[in-house]
Amino acid sequence: SLKPEDTGLYYCAAFLKTRGSTYCA
């Protein structure tokens, strides 16, 4: 159900800088 506002460059990321963090930023 993609929307125009979904447009962008999508990045994959790995390895938290802080162990145990649950902040998706």
mmCIF file of all heavy atoms, coordinates in Angstrom:
data_MODEL
# 
_entry.id   MODEL 
# 
loop_
_atom_site.group_PDB 
_atom_site.id 
_atom_site.type_symbol 
_atom_site.label_atom_id 
_atom_site.label_alt_id 
_atom_site.label_comp_id 
_atom_site.label_asym_id 
_atom_site.label_entity_id 
_atom_site.label_seq_id 
_atom_site.pdbx_PDB_ins_code 
_atom_site.Cartn_x 
_atom_site.Cartn_y 
_atom_site.Cartn_z 
_atom_site.occupancy 
_atom_site.B_iso_or_equiv 
_atom_site.pdbx_formal_charge 
_atom_site.auth_seq_id 
_atom_site.auth_comp_id 
_atom_site.auth_asym_id 
_atom_site.auth_atom_id 
_atom_site.pdbx_PDB_model_num 
ATOM 1   N N   . SER A 1 1  ? 0.829  -1.211 0.000  1.00 0.00 ? 1  SER A N   1 
ATOM 2   C CA  . SER A 1 1  ? 0.000  0.000  0.000  1.00 0.00 ? 1  SER A CA  1 
ATOM 3   C C   . SER A 1 1  ? 0.861  1.258  0.000  1.00 0.00 ? 1  SER A C   1 
ATOM 4   O O   . SER A 1 1  ? 0.643  2.186  0.787  1.00 0.00 ? 1  SER A O   1 
ATOM 5   C CB  . SER A 1 1  ? -0.937 -0.007 1.214  1.00 0.00 ? 1  SER A CB  1 
ATOM 6   O OG  . SER A 1 1  ? -1.775 -1.142 1.206  1.00 0.00 ? 1  SER A OG  1 
ATOM 7   N N   . LEU A 1 2  ? 1.826  1.282  -0.879 1.00 0.00 ? 2  LEU A N   1 
ATOM 8   C CA  . LEU A 1 2  ? 2.778  2.385  -0.913 1.00 0.00 ? 2  LEU A CA  1 
ATOM 9   C C   . LEU A 1 2  ? 2.108  3.713  -1.256 1.00 0.00 ? 2  LEU A C   1 
ATOM 10  O O   . LEU A 1 2  ? 1.173  3.774  -2.054 1.00 0.00 ? 2  LEU A O   1 
ATOM 11  C CB  . LEU A 1 2  ? 3.882  2.086  -1.918 1.00 0.00 ? 2  LEU A CB  1 
ATOM 12  C CG  . LEU A 1 2  ? 4.897  1.047  -1.434 1.00 0.00 ? 2  LEU A CG  1 
ATOM 13  C CD1 . LEU A 1 2  ? 5.710  0.509  -2.601 1.00 0.00 ? 2  LEU A CD1 1 
ATOM 14  C CD2 . LEU A 1 2  ? 5.819  1.664  -0.381 1.00 0.00 ? 2  LEU A CD2 1 
ATOM 15  N N   . LYS A 1 3  ? 2.627  4.753  -0.629 1.00 0.00 ? 3  LYS A N   1 
ATOM 16  C CA  . LYS A 1 3  ? 2.129  6.110  -0.808 1.00 0.00 ? 3  LYS A CA  1 
ATOM 17  C C   . LYS A 1 3  ? 3.249  7.001  -1.322 1.00 0.00 ? 3  LYS A C   1 
ATOM 18  O O   . LYS A 1 3  ? 4.422  6.720  -1.090 1.00 0.00 ? 3  LYS A O   1 
ATOM 19  C CB  . LYS A 1 3  ? 1.616  6.665  0.526  1.00 0.00 ? 3  LYS A CB  1 
ATOM 20  C CG  . LYS A 1 3  ? 0.571  5.813  1.216  1.00 0.00 ? 3  LYS A CG  1 
ATOM 21  C CD  . LYS A 1 3  ? 0.250  6.375  2.589  1.00 0.00 ? 3  LYS A CD  1 
ATOM 22  C CE  . LYS A 1 3  ? -0.766 5.532  3.312  1.00 0.00 ? 3  LYS A CE  1 
ATOM 23  N NZ  . LYS A 1 3  ? -1.058 6.067  4.674  1.00 0.00 ? 3  LYS A NZ  1 
ATOM 24  N N   . PRO A 1 4  ? 2.910  8.095  -1.993 1.00 0.00 ? 4  PRO A N   1 
ATOM 25  C CA  . PRO A 1 4  ? 3.959  9.010  -2.472 1.00 0.00 ? 4  PRO A CA  1 
ATOM 26  C C   . PRO A 1 4  ? 4.893  9.479  -1.360 1.00 0.00 ? 4  PRO A C   1 
ATOM 27  O O   . PRO A 1 4  ? 6.089  9.670  -1.604 1.00 0.00 ? 4  PRO A O   1 
ATOM 28  C CB  . PRO A 1 4  ? 3.158  10.170 -3.062 1.00 0.00 ? 4  PRO A CB  1 
ATOM 29  C CG  . PRO A 1 4  ? 1.901  9.525  -3.544 1.00 0.00 ? 4  PRO A CG  1 
ATOM 30  C CD  . PRO A 1 4  ? 1.581  8.492  -2.482 1.00 0.00 ? 4  PRO A CD  1 
ATOM 31  N N   . GLU A 1 5  ? 4.380  9.647  -0.154 1.00 0.00 ? 5  GLU A N   1 
ATOM 32  C CA  . GLU A 1 5  ? 5.206  10.091 0.951  1.00 0.00 ? 5  GLU A CA  1 
ATOM 33  C C   . GLU A 1 5  ? 6.203  9.036  1.429  1.00 0.00 ? 5  GLU A C   1 
ATOM 34  O O   . GLU A 1 5  ? 7.056  9.327  2.273  1.00 0.00 ? 5  GLU A O   1 
ATOM 35  C CB  . GLU A 1 5  ? 4.349  10.576 2.132  1.00 0.00 ? 5  GLU A CB  1 
ATOM 36  C CG  . GLU A 1 5  ? 3.268  9.601  2.550  1.00 0.00 ? 5  GLU A CG  1 
ATOM 37  C CD  . GLU A 1 5  ? 1.912  9.935  1.948  1.00 0.00 ? 5  GLU A CD  1 
ATOM 38  O OE1 . GLU A 1 5  ? 1.857  10.245 0.745  1.00 0.00 ? 5  GLU A OE1 1 
ATOM 39  O OE2 . GLU A 1 5  ? 0.906  9.882  2.688  1.00 0.00 ? 5  GLU A OE2 1 
ATOM 40  N N   . ASP A 1 6  ? 6.106  7.819  0.903  1.00 0.00 ? 6  ASP A N   1 
ATOM 41  C CA  . ASP A 1 6  ? 7.083  6.780  1.209  1.00 0.00 ? 6  ASP A CA  1 
ATOM 42  C C   . ASP A 1 6  ? 8.352  6.948  0.372  1.00 0.00 ? 6  ASP A C   1 
ATOM 43  O O   . ASP A 1 6  ? 9.339  6.244  0.605  1.00 0.00 ? 6  ASP A O   1 
ATOM 44  C CB  . ASP A 1 6  ? 6.503  5.390  0.944  1.00 0.00 ? 6  ASP A CB  1 
ATOM 45  C CG  . ASP A 1 6  ? 5.330  5.063  1.853  1.00 0.00 ? 6  ASP A CG  1 
ATOM 46  O OD1 . ASP A 1 6  ? 5.337  5.482  3.027  1.00 0.00 ? 6  ASP A OD1 1 
ATOM 47  O OD2 . ASP A 1 6  ? 4.402  4.366  1.382  1.00 0.00 ? 6  ASP A OD2 1 
ATOM 48  N N   . THR A 1 7  ? 8.313  7.837  -0.587 1.00 0.00 ? 7  THR A N   1 
ATOM 49  C CA  . THR A 1 7  ? 9.452  8.066  -1.468 1.00 0.00 ? 7  THR A CA  1 
ATOM 50  C C   . THR A 1 7  ? 10.695 8.485  -0.686 1.00 0.00 ? 7  THR A C   1 
ATOM 51  O O   . THR A 1 7  ? 10.622 9.316  0.216  1.00 0.00 ? 7  THR A O   1 
ATOM 52  C CB  . THR A 1 7  ? 9.115  9.145  -2.501 1.00 0.00 ? 7  THR A CB  1 
ATOM 53  O OG1 . THR A 1 7  ? 8.090  8.657  -3.376 1.00 0.00 ? 7  THR A OG1 1 
ATOM 54  C CG2 . THR A 1 7  ? 10.331 9.506  -3.350 1.00 0.00 ? 7  THR A CG2 1 
ATOM 55  N N   . GLY A 1 8  ? 11.825 7.904  -1.050 1.00 0.00 ? 8  GLY A N   1 
ATOM 56  C CA  . GLY A 1 8  ? 13.068 8.262  -0.400 1.00 0.00 ? 8  GLY A CA  1 
ATOM 57  C C   . GLY A 1 8  ? 14.145 7.232  -0.656 1.00 0.00 ? 8  GLY A C   1 
ATOM 58  O O   . GLY A 1 8  ? 13.923 6.221  -1.321 1.00 0.00 ? 8  GLY A O   1 
ATOM 59  N N   . LEU A 1 9  ? 15.305 7.512  -0.123 1.00 0.00 ? 9  LEU A N   1 
ATOM 60  C CA  . LEU A 1 9  ? 16.420 6.581  -0.204 1.00 0.00 ? 9  LEU A CA  1 
ATOM 61  C C   . LEU A 1 9  ? 16.372 5.719  1.054  1.00 0.00 ? 9  LEU A C   1 
ATOM 62  O O   . LEU A 1 9  ? 16.417 6.242  2.170  1.00 0.00 ? 9  LEU A O   1 
ATOM 63  C CB  . LEU A 1 9  ? 17.746 7.342  -0.298 1.00 0.00 ? 9  LEU A CB  1 
ATOM 64  C CG  . LEU A 1 9  ? 18.998 6.534  -0.628 1.00 0.00 ? 9  LEU A CG  1 
ATOM 65  C CD1 . LEU A 1 9  ? 18.863 5.898  -2.010 1.00 0.00 ? 9  LEU A CD1 1 
ATOM 66  C CD2 . LEU A 1 9  ? 20.222 7.432  -0.583 1.00 0.00 ? 9  LEU A CD2 1 
ATOM 67  N N   . TYR A 1 10 ? 16.269 4.419  0.868  1.00 0.00 ? 10 TYR A N   1 
ATOM 68  C CA  . TYR A 1 10 ? 16.142 3.494  1.987  1.00 0.00 ? 10 TYR A CA  1 
ATOM 69  C C   . TYR A 1 10 ? 17.478 2.847  2.323  1.00 0.00 ? 10 TYR A C   1 
ATOM 70  O O   . TYR A 1 10 ? 18.132 2.258  1.460  1.00 0.00 ? 10 TYR A O   1 
ATOM 71  C CB  . TYR A 1 10 ? 15.109 2.422  1.667  1.00 0.00 ? 10 TYR A CB  1 
ATOM 72  C CG  . TYR A 1 10 ? 13.686 2.903  1.804  1.00 0.00 ? 10 TYR A CG  1 
ATOM 73  C CD1 . TYR A 1 10 ? 13.154 3.827  0.908  1.00 0.00 ? 10 TYR A CD1 1 
ATOM 74  C CD2 . TYR A 1 10 ? 12.873 2.449  2.847  1.00 0.00 ? 10 TYR A CD2 1 
ATOM 75  C CE1 . TYR A 1 10 ? 11.861 4.294  1.045  1.00 0.00 ? 10 TYR A CE1 1 
ATOM 76  C CE2 . TYR A 1 10 ? 11.573 2.905  2.982  1.00 0.00 ? 10 TYR A CE2 1 
ATOM 77  C CZ  . TYR A 1 10 ? 11.070 3.829  2.085  1.00 0.00 ? 10 TYR A CZ  1 
ATOM 78  O OH  . TYR A 1 10 ? 9.777  4.276  2.228  1.00 0.00 ? 10 TYR A OH  1 
ATOM 79  N N   . TYR A 1 11 ? 17.852 2.963  3.577  1.00 0.00 ? 11 TYR A N   1 
ATOM 80  C CA  . TYR A 1 11 ? 19.119 2.431  4.060  1.00 0.00 ? 11 TYR A CA  1 
ATOM 81  C C   . TYR A 1 11 ? 18.909 1.271  5.018  1.00 0.00 ? 11 TYR A C   1 
ATOM 82  O O   . TYR A 1 11 ? 17.986 1.275  5.828  1.00 0.00 ? 11 TYR A O   1 
ATOM 83  C CB  . TYR A 1 11 ? 19.907 3.501  4.809  1.00 0.00 ? 11 TYR A CB  1 
ATOM 84  C CG  . TYR A 1 11 ? 20.355 4.682  3.986  1.00 0.00 ? 11 TYR A CG  1 
ATOM 85  C CD1 . TYR A 1 11 ? 19.552 5.812  3.859  1.00 0.00 ? 11 TYR A CD1 1 
ATOM 86  C CD2 . TYR A 1 11 ? 21.595 4.677  3.357  1.00 0.00 ? 11 TYR A CD2 1 
ATOM 87  C CE1 . TYR A 1 11 ? 19.970 6.903  3.122  1.00 0.00 ? 11 TYR A CE1 1 
ATOM 88  C CE2 . TYR A 1 11 ? 22.019 5.768  2.620  1.00 0.00 ? 11 TYR A CE2 1 
ATOM 89  C CZ  . TYR A 1 11 ? 21.204 6.880  2.503  1.00 0.00 ? 11 TYR A CZ  1 
ATOM 90  O OH  . TYR A 1 11 ? 21.619 7.968  1.776  1.00 0.00 ? 11 TYR A OH  1 
ATOM 91  N N   . CYS A 1 12 ? 19.793 0.330  4.937  1.00 0.00 ? 12 CYS A N   1 
ATOM 92  C CA  . CYS A 1 12 ? 19.879 -0.760 5.890  1.00 0.00 ? 12 CYS A CA  1 
ATOM 93  C C   . CYS A 1 12 ? 20.974 -0.413 6.893  1.00 0.00 ? 12 CYS A C   1 
ATOM 94  O O   . CYS A 1 12 ? 22.005 0.150  6.517  1.00 0.00 ? 12 CYS A O   1 
ATOM 95  C CB  . CYS A 1 12 ? 20.213 -2.059 5.150  1.00 0.00 ? 12 CYS A CB  1 
ATOM 96  S SG  . CYS A 1 12 ? 20.604 -3.475 6.189  1.00 0.00 ? 12 CYS A SG  1 
ATOM 97  N N   . ALA A 1 13 ? 20.753 -0.726 8.156  1.00 0.00 ? 13 ALA A N   1 
ATOM 98  C CA  . ALA A 1 13 ? 21.738 -0.432 9.182  1.00 0.00 ? 13 ALA A CA  1 
ATOM 99  C C   . ALA A 1 13 ? 21.869 -1.594 10.154 1.00 0.00 ? 13 ALA A C   1 
ATOM 100 O O   . ALA A 1 13 ? 20.937 -2.371 10.350 1.00 0.00 ? 13 ALA A O   1 
ATOM 101 C CB  . ALA A 1 13 ? 21.347 0.840  9.941  1.00 0.00 ? 13 ALA A CB  1 
ATOM 102 N N   . ALA A 1 14 ? 23.038 -1.691 10.767 1.00 0.00 ? 14 ALA A N   1 
ATOM 103 C CA  . ALA A 1 14 ? 23.298 -2.760 11.726 1.00 0.00 ? 14 ALA A CA  1 
ATOM 104 C C   . ALA A 1 14 ? 24.241 -2.293 12.822 1.00 0.00 ? 14 ALA A C   1 
ATOM 105 O O   . ALA A 1 14 ? 24.926 -1.273 12.672 1.00 0.00 ? 14 ALA A O   1 
ATOM 106 C CB  . ALA A 1 14 ? 23.883 -3.982 11.024 1.00 0.00 ? 14 ALA A CB  1 
ATOM 107 N N   . PHE A 1 15 ? 24.259 -3.041 13.898 1.00 0.00 ? 15 PHE A N   1 
ATOM 108 C CA  . PHE A 1 15 ? 25.151 -2.845 15.035 1.00 0.00 ? 15 PHE A CA  1 
ATOM 109 C C   . PHE A 1 15 ? 24.836 -1.597 15.842 1.00 0.00 ? 15 PHE A C   1 
ATOM 110 O O   . PHE A 1 15 ? 25.193 -0.477 15.474 1.00 0.00 ? 15 PHE A O   1 
ATOM 111 C CB  . PHE A 1 15 ? 26.610 -2.843 14.596 1.00 0.00 ? 15 PHE A CB  1 
ATOM 112 C CG  . PHE A 1 15 ? 27.024 -4.109 13.913 1.00 0.00 ? 15 PHE A CG  1 
ATOM 113 C CD1 . PHE A 1 15 ? 27.336 -4.121 12.566 1.00 0.00 ? 15 PHE A CD1 1 
ATOM 114 C CD2 . PHE A 1 15 ? 27.086 -5.299 14.624 1.00 0.00 ? 15 PHE A CD2 1 
ATOM 115 C CE1 . PHE A 1 15 ? 27.710 -5.288 11.936 1.00 0.00 ? 15 PHE A CE1 1 
ATOM 116 C CE2 . PHE A 1 15 ? 27.454 -6.482 14.005 1.00 0.00 ? 15 PHE A CE2 1 
ATOM 117 C CZ  . PHE A 1 15 ? 27.770 -6.478 12.657 1.00 0.00 ? 15 PHE A CZ  1 
ATOM 118 N N   . LEU A 1 16 ? 24.165 -1.823 16.961 1.00 0.00 ? 16 LEU A N   1 
ATOM 119 C CA  . LEU A 1 16 ? 23.835 -0.739 17.867 1.00 0.00 ? 16 LEU A CA  1 
ATOM 120 C C   . LEU A 1 16 ? 25.083 -0.173 18.511 1.00 0.00 ? 16 LEU A C   1 
ATOM 121 O O   . LEU A 1 16 ? 26.003 -0.905 18.871 1.00 0.00 ? 16 LEU A O   1 
ATOM 122 C CB  . LEU A 1 16 ? 22.886 -1.230 18.963 1.00 0.00 ? 16 LEU A CB  1 
ATOM 123 C CG  . LEU A 1 16 ? 21.459 -1.588 18.539 1.00 0.00 ? 16 LEU A CG  1 
ATOM 124 C CD1 . LEU A 1 16 ? 20.735 -2.270 19.692 1.00 0.00 ? 16 LEU A CD1 1 
ATOM 125 C CD2 . LEU A 1 16 ? 20.706 -0.337 18.098 1.00 0.00 ? 16 LEU A CD2 1 
ATOM 126 N N   . LYS A 1 17 ? 25.093 1.132  18.680 1.00 0.00 ? 17 LYS A N   1 
ATOM 127 C CA  . LYS A 1 17 ? 26.197 1.776  19.377 1.00 0.00 ? 17 LYS A CA  1 
ATOM 128 C C   . LYS A 1 17 ? 26.098 1.547  20.877 1.00 0.00 ? 17 LYS A C   1 
ATOM 129 O O   . LYS A 1 17 ? 27.110 1.518  21.567 1.00 0.00 ? 17 LYS A O   1 
ATOM 130 C CB  . LYS A 1 17 ? 26.200 3.276  19.080 1.00 0.00 ? 17 LYS A CB  1 
ATOM 131 C CG  . LYS A 1 17 ? 26.519 3.624  17.645 1.00 0.00 ? 17 LYS A CG  1 
ATOM 132 C CD  . LYS A 1 17 ? 26.513 5.129  17.444 1.00 0.00 ? 17 LYS A CD  1 
ATOM 133 C CE  . LYS A 1 17 ? 26.872 5.497  16.026 1.00 0.00 ? 17 LYS A CE  1 
ATOM 134 N NZ  . LYS A 1 17 ? 26.843 6.972  15.824 1.00 0.00 ? 17 LYS A NZ  1 
ATOM 135 N N   . THR A 1 18 ? 24.867 1.402  21.363 1.00 0.00 ? 18 THR A N   1 
ATOM 136 C CA  . THR A 1 18 ? 24.627 1.176  22.779 1.00 0.00 ? 18 THR A CA  1 
ATOM 137 C C   . THR A 1 18 ? 23.913 -0.149 22.976 1.00 0.00 ? 18 THR A C   1 
ATOM 138 O O   . THR A 1 18 ? 22.816 -0.346 22.461 1.00 0.00 ? 18 THR A O   1 
ATOM 139 C CB  . THR A 1 18 ? 23.788 2.305  23.384 1.00 0.00 ? 18 THR A CB  1 
ATOM 140 O OG1 . THR A 1 18 ? 24.458 3.549  23.202 1.00 0.00 ? 18 THR A OG1 1 
ATOM 141 C CG2 . THR A 1 18 ? 23.576 2.074  24.876 1.00 0.00 ? 18 THR A CG2 1 
ATOM 142 N N   . ARG A 1 19 ? 24.526 -1.039 23.717 1.00 0.00 ? 19 ARG A N   1 
ATOM 143 C CA  . ARG A 1 19 ? 23.957 -2.353 23.965 1.00 0.00 ? 19 ARG A CA  1 
ATOM 144 C C   . ARG A 1 19 ? 22.615 -2.242 24.661 1.00 0.00 ? 19 ARG A C   1 
ATOM 145 O O   . ARG A 1 19 ? 22.457 -1.480 25.616 1.00 0.00 ? 19 ARG A O   1 
ATOM 146 C CB  . ARG A 1 19 ? 24.926 -3.179 24.819 1.00 0.00 ? 19 ARG A CB  1 
ATOM 147 C CG  . ARG A 1 19 ? 24.505 -4.623 25.039 1.00 0.00 ? 19 ARG A CG  1 
ATOM 148 C CD  . ARG A 1 19 ? 25.446 -5.311 26.010 1.00 0.00 ? 19 ARG A CD  1 
ATOM 149 N NE  . ARG A 1 19 ? 26.817 -5.284 25.539 1.00 0.00 ? 19 ARG A NE  1 
ATOM 150 C CZ  . ARG A 1 19 ? 27.868 -5.644 26.264 1.00 0.00 ? 19 ARG A CZ  1 
ATOM 151 N NH1 . ARG A 1 19 ? 27.693 -6.058 27.513 1.00 0.00 ? 19 ARG A NH1 1 
ATOM 152 N NH2 . ARG A 1 19 ? 29.081 -5.570 25.749 1.00 0.00 ? 19 ARG A NH2 1 
ATOM 153 N N   . GLY A 1 20 ? 21.634 -2.985 24.156 1.00 0.00 ? 20 GLY A N   1 
ATOM 154 C CA  . GLY A 1 20 ? 20.329 -3.010 24.775 1.00 0.00 ? 20 GLY A CA  1 
ATOM 155 C C   . GLY A 1 20 ? 19.382 -1.913 24.349 1.00 0.00 ? 20 GLY A C   1 
ATOM 156 O O   . GLY A 1 20 ? 18.225 -1.894 24.773 1.00 0.00 ? 20 GLY A O   1 
ATOM 157 N N   . SER A 1 21 ? 19.828 -1.019 23.500 1.00 0.00 ? 21 SER A N   1 
ATOM 158 C CA  . SER A 1 21 ? 18.975 0.067  23.043 1.00 0.00 ? 21 SER A CA  1 
ATOM 159 C C   . SER A 1 21 ? 17.812 -0.463 22.208 1.00 0.00 ? 21 SER A C   1 
ATOM 160 O O   . SER A 1 21 ? 17.973 -1.405 21.427 1.00 0.00 ? 21 SER A O   1 
ATOM 161 C CB  . SER A 1 21 ? 19.776 1.066  22.216 1.00 0.00 ? 21 SER A CB  1 
ATOM 162 O OG  . SER A 1 21 ? 18.925 2.069  21.673 1.00 0.00 ? 21 SER A OG  1 
ATOM 163 N N   . THR A 1 22 ? 16.645 0.149  22.375 1.00 0.00 ? 22 THR A N   1 
ATOM 164 C CA  . THR A 1 22 ? 15.476 -0.205 21.577 1.00 0.00 ? 22 THR A CA  1 
ATOM 165 C C   . THR A 1 22 ? 14.931 1.028  20.870 1.00 0.00 ? 22 THR A C   1 
ATOM 166 O O   . THR A 1 22 ? 13.759 1.084  20.510 1.00 0.00 ? 22 THR A O   1 
ATOM 167 C CB  . THR A 1 22 ? 14.381 -0.847 22.448 1.00 0.00 ? 22 THR A CB  1 
ATOM 168 O OG1 . THR A 1 22 ? 14.024 0.043  23.509 1.00 0.00 ? 22 THR A OG1 1 
ATOM 169 C CG2 . THR A 1 22 ? 14.855 -2.171 23.022 1.00 0.00 ? 22 THR A CG2 1 
ATOM 170 N N   . TYR A 1 23 ? 15.786 1.996  20.682 1.00 0.00 ? 23 TYR A N   1 
ATOM 171 C CA  . TYR A 1 23 ? 15.418 3.244  20.043 1.00 0.00 ? 23 TYR A CA  1 
ATOM 172 C C   . TYR A 1 23 ? 15.750 3.145  18.556 1.00 0.00 ? 23 TYR A C   1 
ATOM 173 O O   . TYR A 1 23 ? 16.916 3.110  18.170 1.00 0.00 ? 23 TYR A O   1 
ATOM 174 C CB  . TYR A 1 23 ? 16.179 4.389  20.707 1.00 0.00 ? 23 TYR A CB  1 
ATOM 175 C CG  . TYR A 1 23 ? 15.808 5.778  20.253 1.00 0.00 ? 23 TYR A CG  1 
ATOM 176 C CD1 . TYR A 1 23 ? 14.494 6.122  19.974 1.00 0.00 ? 23 TYR A CD1 1 
ATOM 177 C CD2 . TYR A 1 23 ? 16.787 6.757  20.131 1.00 0.00 ? 23 TYR A CD2 1 
ATOM 178 C CE1 . TYR A 1 23 ? 14.156 7.401  19.570 1.00 0.00 ? 23 TYR A CE1 1 
ATOM 179 C CE2 . TYR A 1 23 ? 16.464 8.043  19.731 1.00 0.00 ? 23 TYR A CE2 1 
ATOM 180 C CZ  . TYR A 1 23 ? 15.149 8.365  19.454 1.00 0.00 ? 23 TYR A CZ  1 
ATOM 181 O OH  . TYR A 1 23 ? 14.819 9.637  19.064 1.00 0.00 ? 23 TYR A OH  1 
ATOM 182 N N   . CYS A 1 24 ? 14.736 3.103  17.732 1.00 0.00 ? 24 CYS A N   1 
ATOM 183 C CA  . CYS A 1 24 ? 14.917 2.945  16.291 1.00 0.00 ? 24 CYS A CA  1 
ATOM 184 C C   . CYS A 1 24 ? 15.188 4.307  15.652 1.00 0.00 ? 24 CYS A C   1 
ATOM 185 O O   . CYS A 1 24 ? 14.294 4.920  15.058 1.00 0.00 ? 24 CYS A O   1 
ATOM 186 C CB  . CYS A 1 24 ? 13.685 2.281  15.675 1.00 0.00 ? 24 CYS A CB  1 
ATOM 187 S SG  . CYS A 1 24 ? 13.881 1.770  13.953 1.00 0.00 ? 24 CYS A SG  1 
ATOM 188 N N   . ALA A 1 25 ? 16.420 4.736  15.795 1.00 0.00 ? 25 ALA A N   1 
ATOM 189 C CA  . ALA A 1 25 ? 16.834 6.027  15.264 1.00 0.00 ? 25 ALA A CA  1 
ATOM 190 C C   . ALA A 1 25 ? 18.219 5.892  14.656 1.00 0.00 ? 25 ALA A C   1 
ATOM 191 O O   . ALA A 1 25 ? 19.052 5.125  15.128 1.00 0.00 ? 25 ALA A O   1 
ATOM 192 C CB  . ALA A 1 25 ? 16.840 7.081  16.361 1.00 0.00 ? 25 ALA A CB  1 
# 
